[in-house]
Protein backbone atom coordinates (compact mmCIF):
# COMPACT_ATOMS: atom_id res chain seq x y z
CA MET A 1 -55.08 40.93 7.66
CA SER A 2 -53.10 41.00 10.86
CA ASN A 3 -52.33 44.30 12.55
CA PRO A 4 -48.71 45.32 11.98
CA MET A 5 -46.29 46.71 14.47
CA THR A 6 -45.76 50.39 13.77
CA THR A 7 -42.04 49.74 13.29
CA ALA A 8 -40.17 46.80 11.88
CA VAL A 9 -38.06 44.68 14.16
CA SER A 10 -34.47 44.06 13.08
CA PRO A 11 -31.55 42.54 14.99
CA LEU A 12 -29.17 44.77 13.02
CA ILE A 13 -30.48 48.27 13.70
CA ASP A 14 -32.77 50.07 16.10
CA THR A 15 -35.77 50.72 13.85
CA ALA A 16 -37.65 52.93 16.28
CA GLY A 17 -38.30 56.47 15.14
CA SER A 18 -40.85 58.56 13.30
CA GLY A 19 -40.97 59.03 9.57
CA SER A 20 -39.65 62.58 9.84
CA GLU A 21 -36.69 61.40 11.91
CA TRP A 22 -35.79 58.71 9.37
CA LEU A 23 -36.14 61.16 6.47
CA ALA A 24 -33.72 63.54 8.18
CA ARG A 25 -31.23 60.71 8.59
CA TYR A 26 -31.77 59.73 4.94
CA SER A 27 -30.95 63.28 3.84
CA ASP A 28 -27.75 63.23 5.89
CA SER A 29 -26.49 59.87 4.66
CA LEU A 30 -27.77 58.97 1.18
CA MET A 31 -26.88 60.47 -2.18
CA ASN A 32 -29.60 62.71 -3.60
CA VAL A 33 -30.26 60.90 -6.87
CA PHE A 34 -33.90 60.07 -6.19
CA GLY A 35 -35.04 63.25 -4.46
CA ALA A 36 -36.67 63.13 -1.06
CA PRO A 37 -38.49 59.84 -0.34
CA GLN A 38 -42.26 60.16 -0.05
CA ARG A 39 -42.51 57.93 3.02
CA VAL A 40 -40.39 55.59 5.16
CA LEU A 41 -41.83 52.11 4.72
CA VAL A 42 -41.13 49.47 7.35
CA ARG A 43 -43.35 46.49 6.61
CA GLY A 44 -45.44 44.89 3.89
CA GLU A 45 -47.94 42.08 3.60
CA GLY A 46 -49.70 41.19 0.37
CA CYS A 47 -50.75 44.41 -1.37
CA THR A 48 -50.43 46.56 1.77
CA VAL A 49 -47.42 48.38 3.21
CA TRP A 50 -47.01 50.35 6.44
CA ASP A 51 -44.84 53.38 7.13
CA ALA A 52 -42.75 54.26 10.18
CA ASP A 53 -45.71 56.14 11.68
CA GLY A 54 -48.02 53.13 11.41
CA LYS A 55 -50.10 54.33 8.44
CA ALA A 56 -51.24 51.66 5.97
CA TYR A 57 -51.23 52.05 2.18
CA LEU A 58 -52.68 49.96 -0.63
CA ASP A 59 -49.68 49.52 -2.91
CA LEU A 60 -50.82 50.17 -6.48
CA LEU A 61 -47.29 50.58 -7.82
CA GLY A 62 -45.64 47.38 -6.58
CA GLY A 63 -42.15 48.85 -6.45
CA ILE A 64 -42.70 49.96 -10.07
CA ALA A 65 -43.98 46.61 -11.35
CA VAL A 66 -41.48 44.62 -9.26
CA ASN A 67 -43.46 43.05 -6.41
CA ALA A 68 -45.38 40.67 -8.64
CA LEU A 69 -46.67 38.61 -5.71
CA GLY A 70 -46.96 41.49 -3.29
CA HIS A 71 -44.93 41.84 -0.12
CA ALA A 72 -43.60 39.00 2.03
CA HIS A 73 -45.19 36.26 -0.05
CA PRO A 74 -44.70 33.15 2.10
CA PHE A 75 -43.65 30.81 -0.71
CA VAL A 76 -41.11 33.25 -2.14
CA THR A 77 -39.65 34.13 1.25
CA SER A 78 -39.39 30.45 2.18
CA ALA A 79 -37.62 29.70 -1.11
CA ILE A 80 -35.13 32.51 -0.49
CA ALA A 81 -34.49 31.47 3.11
CA GLY A 82 -34.21 27.81 2.18
CA GLN A 83 -31.70 28.52 -0.57
CA LEU A 84 -29.63 30.81 1.68
CA ASN A 85 -29.48 28.02 4.22
CA THR A 86 -28.06 25.76 1.51
CA LEU A 87 -25.96 27.86 -0.87
CA GLY A 88 -25.89 31.62 -1.29
CA HIS A 89 -23.23 32.72 -3.77
CA ILE A 90 -20.86 30.63 -5.89
CA SER A 91 -19.44 32.94 -8.64
CA ASN A 92 -19.81 32.32 -12.35
CA PHE A 93 -17.02 29.73 -12.33
CA PHE A 94 -19.75 27.34 -11.20
CA THR A 95 -23.47 26.85 -11.70
CA SER A 96 -26.34 25.65 -9.54
CA PRO A 97 -29.53 23.63 -10.06
CA THR A 98 -31.67 26.75 -9.55
CA GLN A 99 -29.77 28.67 -12.26
CA VAL A 100 -30.13 25.85 -14.78
CA GLY A 101 -33.73 25.23 -13.80
CA LEU A 102 -34.71 28.87 -14.20
CA ALA A 103 -33.08 29.08 -17.63
CA GLU A 104 -34.95 25.98 -18.75
CA LYS A 105 -38.25 27.27 -17.37
CA LEU A 106 -37.96 30.66 -19.06
CA LEU A 107 -37.01 29.12 -22.39
CA GLN A 108 -40.10 26.95 -22.12
CA LEU A 109 -42.37 29.88 -21.24
CA VAL A 110 -41.18 32.01 -24.18
CA HIS A 111 -41.54 29.05 -26.58
CA ALA A 112 -37.90 29.43 -27.56
CA PRO A 113 -36.62 27.24 -30.40
CA ALA A 114 -33.76 24.79 -29.99
CA GLY A 115 -30.43 26.48 -29.44
CA SER A 116 -31.88 29.40 -27.45
CA LYS A 117 -30.10 30.50 -24.27
CA ALA A 118 -30.47 32.61 -21.12
CA PHE A 119 -28.09 35.00 -19.37
CA PHE A 120 -28.88 36.30 -15.87
CA SER A 121 -28.06 39.75 -14.51
CA ASN A 122 -29.04 41.73 -11.41
CA SER A 123 -31.39 44.30 -12.97
CA GLY A 124 -33.21 45.42 -16.07
CA THR A 125 -30.63 47.96 -17.13
CA GLU A 126 -27.94 45.26 -16.92
CA ALA A 127 -30.06 42.99 -19.11
CA ILE A 128 -30.29 45.83 -21.62
CA GLU A 129 -26.52 46.31 -21.48
CA ALA A 130 -26.11 42.65 -22.41
CA ALA A 131 -28.54 43.11 -25.30
CA PHE A 132 -26.69 46.25 -26.41
CA LYS A 133 -23.44 44.27 -26.54
CA LEU A 134 -25.27 41.53 -28.42
CA ALA A 135 -26.25 44.14 -31.01
CA ARG A 136 -22.65 45.33 -31.25
CA ARG A 137 -21.54 41.76 -31.92
CA HIS A 138 -24.07 41.69 -34.77
CA SER A 139 -22.51 44.82 -36.28
CA THR A 140 -20.24 43.11 -38.81
CA GLY A 141 -20.54 44.05 -42.49
CA GLY A 142 -21.30 47.72 -41.89
CA ARG A 143 -24.16 47.28 -39.39
CA THR A 144 -23.30 50.33 -37.29
CA ARG A 145 -26.79 51.65 -36.47
CA ILE A 146 -29.23 50.75 -33.68
CA ILE A 147 -32.86 51.85 -33.80
CA ALA A 148 -34.84 52.68 -30.67
CA MET A 149 -38.17 54.40 -30.11
CA ASP A 150 -39.12 57.94 -29.17
CA ARG A 151 -40.11 58.18 -25.48
CA ALA A 152 -38.38 54.84 -24.82
CA PHE A 153 -36.96 54.04 -21.40
CA HIS A 154 -34.44 51.20 -21.21
CA GLY A 155 -32.40 52.13 -18.13
CA ARG A 156 -29.75 54.54 -16.85
CA THR A 157 -26.40 52.83 -17.41
CA MET A 158 -24.51 54.19 -20.40
CA GLY A 159 -25.57 51.70 -23.07
CA ALA A 160 -29.15 51.59 -21.81
CA LEU A 161 -29.16 55.39 -21.59
CA ALA A 162 -28.14 55.63 -25.23
CA LEU A 163 -31.33 53.71 -26.06
CA THR A 164 -33.45 55.80 -23.67
CA ALA A 165 -35.02 58.79 -25.39
CA LYS A 166 -35.68 61.35 -22.64
CA PRO A 167 -33.25 64.31 -23.05
CA ALA A 168 -33.25 65.11 -19.32
CA TYR A 169 -31.84 61.64 -18.61
CA ARG A 170 -29.36 61.67 -21.52
CA GLU A 171 -27.90 65.14 -21.78
CA PRO A 172 -25.96 65.31 -18.47
CA PHE A 173 -23.95 62.24 -19.56
CA ALA A 174 -23.18 62.97 -23.20
CA PRO A 175 -21.44 61.74 -25.23
CA LEU A 176 -23.25 58.41 -25.01
CA PRO A 177 -22.40 55.27 -26.99
CA GLY A 178 -23.01 56.23 -30.61
CA GLY A 179 -25.02 54.89 -33.48
CA VAL A 180 -28.45 54.98 -31.80
CA GLU A 181 -31.35 56.65 -33.61
CA HIS A 182 -34.88 57.20 -32.29
CA ILE A 183 -38.02 56.96 -34.42
CA PRO A 184 -41.74 57.39 -33.58
CA TYR A 185 -43.14 54.54 -31.50
CA GLY A 186 -45.76 52.45 -33.25
CA ASP A 187 -45.08 53.98 -36.70
CA VAL A 188 -44.60 51.08 -39.10
CA GLU A 189 -43.64 53.26 -42.05
CA ALA A 190 -41.02 55.14 -40.02
CA LEU A 191 -39.59 51.80 -38.95
CA ARG A 192 -39.60 50.49 -42.50
CA ALA A 193 -37.80 53.60 -43.72
CA ALA A 194 -35.17 53.42 -40.96
CA VAL A 195 -34.23 49.74 -41.09
CA ASP A 196 -31.85 48.52 -43.78
CA ALA A 197 -28.64 46.52 -44.06
CA THR A 198 -26.79 49.09 -41.94
CA VAL A 199 -28.93 48.38 -38.83
CA ALA A 200 -27.64 45.92 -36.24
CA ALA A 201 -30.73 45.86 -34.00
CA VAL A 202 -34.10 47.41 -33.19
CA PHE A 203 -35.12 47.80 -29.53
CA ILE A 204 -38.84 47.96 -28.71
CA GLU A 205 -40.88 47.95 -25.50
CA PRO A 206 -44.10 46.03 -26.30
CA ILE A 207 -45.81 48.64 -24.10
CA GLN A 208 -43.92 51.79 -23.09
CA GLY A 209 -44.30 51.98 -19.31
CA GLU A 210 -42.23 55.03 -18.37
CA ALA A 211 -43.82 56.99 -21.22
CA GLY A 212 -47.23 56.65 -19.58
CA VAL A 213 -48.24 53.12 -20.60
CA GLN A 214 -48.29 53.68 -24.36
CA VAL A 215 -49.73 50.70 -26.25
CA PRO A 216 -48.65 50.37 -29.89
CA PRO A 217 -51.17 50.00 -32.71
CA ALA A 218 -52.30 46.48 -33.53
CA GLY A 219 -49.84 44.75 -35.81
CA PHE A 220 -46.83 46.92 -34.93
CA LEU A 221 -44.80 44.16 -33.29
CA GLU A 222 -45.60 41.77 -36.13
CA ALA A 223 -44.50 44.39 -38.67
CA ALA A 224 -41.30 45.01 -36.71
CA ARG A 225 -40.53 41.28 -36.88
CA GLU A 226 -41.05 41.23 -40.64
CA ILE A 227 -39.01 44.39 -41.26
CA THR A 228 -36.04 43.34 -39.12
CA ARG A 229 -36.01 39.83 -40.53
CA ASP A 230 -35.97 41.13 -44.11
CA ALA A 231 -33.09 43.51 -43.28
CA GLY A 232 -31.09 40.98 -41.27
CA ALA A 233 -31.31 43.12 -38.11
CA LEU A 234 -31.91 41.78 -34.62
CA LEU A 235 -35.28 42.47 -33.00
CA VAL A 236 -34.98 42.99 -29.23
CA PHE A 237 -38.08 43.20 -27.05
CA ASP A 238 -37.61 44.96 -23.71
CA GLU A 239 -40.05 43.10 -21.44
CA VAL A 240 -38.44 44.34 -18.23
CA GLN A 241 -41.70 46.00 -17.15
CA THR A 242 -44.25 44.12 -19.25
CA GLY A 243 -43.02 40.55 -18.72
CA ILE A 244 -43.81 37.89 -16.11
CA GLY A 245 -47.58 38.21 -16.16
CA ARG A 246 -47.88 41.99 -15.91
CA THR A 247 -50.30 42.22 -18.86
CA GLY A 248 -52.26 39.08 -18.01
CA ARG A 249 -50.02 37.07 -20.32
CA TRP A 250 -46.59 35.76 -19.51
CA PHE A 251 -45.13 38.27 -21.97
CA ALA A 252 -46.74 41.24 -23.72
CA SER A 253 -45.12 40.24 -27.02
CA GLU A 254 -46.55 36.71 -27.04
CA GLY A 255 -47.13 35.51 -30.59
CA VAL A 256 -44.14 37.41 -32.02
CA LEU A 257 -40.76 35.71 -31.67
CA PRO A 258 -37.90 38.22 -31.33
CA ASP A 259 -34.17 37.56 -31.55
CA ALA A 260 -33.65 38.62 -27.94
CA MET A 261 -35.76 39.57 -24.93
CA THR A 262 -34.84 41.33 -21.71
CA LEU A 263 -36.52 40.60 -18.37
CA ALA A 264 -36.29 41.85 -14.78
CA LYS A 265 -38.64 43.61 -12.33
CA GLY A 266 -41.35 41.06 -11.51
CA LEU A 267 -39.14 38.06 -12.28
CA GLY A 268 -37.90 37.79 -8.69
CA SER A 269 -40.98 39.30 -7.02
CA GLY A 270 -38.78 41.83 -5.24
CA PHE A 271 -35.47 39.96 -5.18
CA PRO A 272 -33.03 41.55 -7.66
CA ILE A 273 -32.68 39.60 -10.89
CA GLY A 274 -32.69 40.35 -14.61
CA GLY A 275 -32.20 38.28 -17.70
CA LEU A 276 -31.51 38.20 -21.41
CA ILE A 277 -33.06 35.47 -23.55
CA THR A 278 -31.53 34.84 -26.97
CA PHE A 279 -33.55 32.95 -29.57
CA GLY A 280 -31.91 30.32 -31.75
CA PRO A 281 -28.31 29.13 -32.02
CA GLU A 282 -26.95 31.93 -34.23
CA VAL A 283 -28.00 34.80 -31.97
CA SER A 284 -27.09 32.81 -28.86
CA ALA A 285 -23.53 32.39 -30.15
CA LEU A 286 -22.91 36.13 -30.61
CA LEU A 287 -21.51 36.57 -27.10
CA ALA A 288 -18.57 34.24 -26.50
CA PRO A 289 -16.70 33.42 -23.26
CA GLY A 290 -15.00 36.50 -21.86
CA GLN A 291 -17.15 38.98 -23.77
CA HIS A 292 -19.69 39.56 -21.02
CA GLY A 293 -20.21 38.63 -17.39
CA THR A 294 -21.46 39.57 -13.94
CA THR A 295 -20.42 38.77 -10.39
CA PHE A 296 -23.82 38.28 -8.80
CA GLY A 297 -26.06 37.55 -11.79
CA GLY A 298 -27.81 34.19 -11.71
CA ASN A 299 -26.75 33.39 -8.15
CA PRO A 300 -28.61 30.54 -6.41
CA VAL A 301 -30.76 32.81 -4.22
CA ALA A 302 -31.94 35.10 -7.03
CA THR A 303 -32.77 32.19 -9.29
CA ALA A 304 -34.59 30.40 -6.46
CA ALA A 305 -36.69 33.53 -5.91
CA ALA A 306 -37.51 33.66 -9.61
CA LEU A 307 -38.44 29.99 -9.77
CA ALA A 308 -40.73 30.44 -6.77
CA THR A 309 -42.35 33.46 -8.43
CA LEU A 310 -42.99 31.61 -11.68
CA SER A 311 -44.38 28.63 -9.77
CA VAL A 312 -46.94 30.73 -7.89
CA ILE A 313 -48.03 32.58 -11.03
CA GLU A 314 -48.47 29.28 -12.83
CA THR A 315 -50.26 27.33 -10.11
CA ASP A 316 -52.39 29.99 -8.41
CA GLY A 317 -54.29 31.33 -11.42
CA ILE A 318 -52.48 34.66 -11.26
CA LEU A 319 -52.74 35.45 -14.98
CA ALA A 320 -56.53 35.13 -14.89
CA ASN A 321 -56.62 37.40 -11.84
CA VAL A 322 -54.49 40.00 -13.62
CA GLN A 323 -56.89 40.03 -16.55
CA ALA A 324 -60.03 40.22 -14.41
CA THR A 325 -58.75 42.84 -11.96
CA GLY A 326 -57.13 44.87 -14.73
CA ASN A 327 -60.38 44.98 -16.70
CA PHE A 328 -62.28 45.95 -13.56
CA LEU A 329 -59.88 48.81 -12.81
CA ARG A 330 -59.76 50.19 -16.33
CA ASP A 331 -63.55 50.06 -16.71
CA GLY A 332 -64.00 51.85 -13.41
CA LEU A 333 -61.38 54.50 -14.12
CA ARG A 334 -62.98 55.41 -17.45
CA GLY A 335 -66.06 56.56 -15.58
CA VAL A 336 -64.24 58.99 -13.28
CA ASP A 337 -64.79 62.69 -13.91
CA GLY A 338 -61.51 64.31 -14.93
CA VAL A 339 -60.09 61.20 -16.61
CA THR A 340 -59.67 61.61 -20.37
CA GLU A 341 -58.08 58.29 -21.33
CA VAL A 342 -57.22 54.94 -19.75
CA ARG A 343 -54.65 52.71 -21.45
CA GLY A 344 -52.85 49.47 -20.82
CA GLU A 345 -53.20 45.74 -20.49
CA GLY A 346 -53.65 43.63 -17.39
CA LEU A 347 -52.27 45.44 -14.35
CA LEU A 348 -50.15 47.96 -16.23
CA ILE A 349 -52.44 50.98 -16.51
CA GLY A 350 -51.94 54.55 -17.68
CA ILE A 351 -54.44 57.28 -16.75
CA ASP A 352 -54.54 60.62 -18.57
CA LEU A 353 -56.12 63.52 -16.69
CA ALA A 354 -57.88 66.56 -18.10
CA GLN A 355 -55.62 68.83 -16.03
CA GLU A 356 -51.97 68.66 -15.02
CA LEU A 357 -52.73 67.22 -11.61
CA ALA A 358 -50.69 64.02 -11.63
CA PRO A 359 -47.92 64.96 -9.15
CA ALA A 360 -50.48 66.47 -6.76
CA ALA A 361 -52.67 63.39 -7.19
CA VAL A 362 -49.77 61.17 -6.09
CA GLN A 363 -49.52 63.15 -2.84
CA ALA A 364 -53.29 63.20 -2.34
CA ALA A 365 -53.38 59.44 -2.89
CA LEU A 366 -50.71 58.94 -0.22
CA ASP A 367 -52.75 61.01 2.19
CA ALA A 368 -55.73 58.77 1.39
CA GLY A 369 -53.70 55.55 1.81
CA PHE A 370 -52.80 54.62 -1.78
CA ILE A 371 -49.47 54.42 -3.60
CA ILE A 372 -49.60 55.47 -7.27
CA ASN A 373 -47.14 57.05 -9.69
CA ALA A 374 -47.01 60.07 -12.03
CA THR A 375 -45.17 59.59 -15.33
CA GLY A 376 -45.96 63.11 -16.53
CA PRO A 377 -47.81 66.27 -15.53
CA ALA A 378 -51.19 64.80 -16.52
CA THR A 379 -50.50 61.05 -16.51
CA LEU A 380 -50.68 58.49 -13.71
CA ARG A 381 -49.45 54.90 -13.78
CA LEU A 382 -50.68 51.88 -11.85
CA ALA A 383 -48.59 48.69 -11.67
CA PRO A 384 -49.83 46.90 -8.53
CA PRO A 385 -48.96 43.39 -7.38
CA LEU A 386 -50.48 40.76 -9.65
CA ILE A 387 -52.41 39.40 -6.66
CA LEU A 388 -54.49 42.58 -6.28
CA THR A 389 -58.17 41.69 -5.84
CA THR A 390 -61.18 43.45 -7.30
CA ASP A 391 -62.30 44.28 -3.76
CA GLN A 392 -59.00 46.06 -3.14
CA ALA A 393 -59.21 47.78 -6.52
CA ALA A 394 -62.74 48.91 -5.67
CA THR A 395 -61.47 50.81 -2.63
CA PHE A 396 -59.21 52.85 -4.90
CA LEU A 397 -61.96 53.48 -7.44
CA ALA A 398 -64.21 54.73 -4.65
CA ALA A 399 -61.50 57.09 -3.37
CA PHE A 400 -60.12 58.27 -6.71
CA PRO A 401 -62.65 61.08 -7.37
CA SER A 402 -61.86 62.61 -4.00
CA ILE A 403 -58.14 62.20 -4.67
CA LEU A 404 -58.47 64.20 -7.89
CA GLN A 405 -60.54 66.84 -6.13
CA ALA A 406 -57.88 67.20 -3.42
CA ALA A 407 -55.17 67.39 -6.08
CA ALA A 408 -57.09 70.13 -7.90
CA ALA A 409 -57.55 72.09 -4.70
CA THR A 410 -53.84 71.82 -3.90
CA THR A 411 -52.83 72.82 -7.42
CA ILE A 412 -55.15 75.83 -7.45
CA GLY A 413 -53.84 76.85 -4.05
CA LEU A 414 -50.26 76.79 -5.34
CA SER A 415 -50.98 78.62 -8.59
């Protein structure tokens, strides 16, 4: 891989400066909703990023499952640049070949029946908002309830937040849109008891990413389909994090046909785009003209980026790589002292630790040149680019024991 410049070059701003200088400017100018950034990143190539001080990192988080093809993928960047040179934004009074083509491609990939449709947004939480409104439109005849799962994360806008289970996210913004109830994830009997003719929709993540990569028991999604169908409720799969090859399949719910599916994150390989797929003509007709919309959703550039992403995944054997590299990582992690459980599918991996070292491990990993994520005091998450190689994964496996040792030493020193 070529040696990077220590700072990015931009015609719009002088990018010179150390990481500490940029972080001070960040603190002075940006709203504190994310906390202090861990590093100032200036350049990426493949699975590697560089910070403002010239340090390289193997990116094992991929922008939280977003950079499906890594950083600066040449085909994706050329598709974006080429589309911008042709047509950038047109409003939803018009359409474009890339918007129509992406809708057709996604409907084909999800094996959607005739009459199915797509709606494009800018993010995952916006896709969930569209699905929430879809559920509301299905609320005739006394269907006032929506069922979601304990520990679910569906986004931070108000409708998505009502579906999200974490009290720390919800409580500062109460009252949220009503009628949402949470039940234990993966519990078929709890789902059966909750769903009746008063339920408009059930929202399920096929794997719960924010909750620490929780995989449901075998047969749970199939049972959810049966239960919702019998009750006349919509089944909505949130594939924002698990879709577009993340699990080594196009979609984690493959084999179970929902009534609606939300997508985002890896769909544009870093370019903002989300989507809602509705299955069949009846569900697809629930939202009529004027009942939902978006200014930027489905614009020619975003849909070109998504088409380029899907093309590379399809033609470059990416799904097979995800399966092979994911298996290699999980097998290696299970043998590390201090790891109690490894979960996940493909390149969405949760790691439980014997001690509450996860936040310290994130910092130790940065010091060692790796980007990982803590979803809880004792749980780490990996969601690297789908192009990660086993050789790259092996460098992390070799360093991980020392990372945990450094995290333990730091934690003991602070206690």
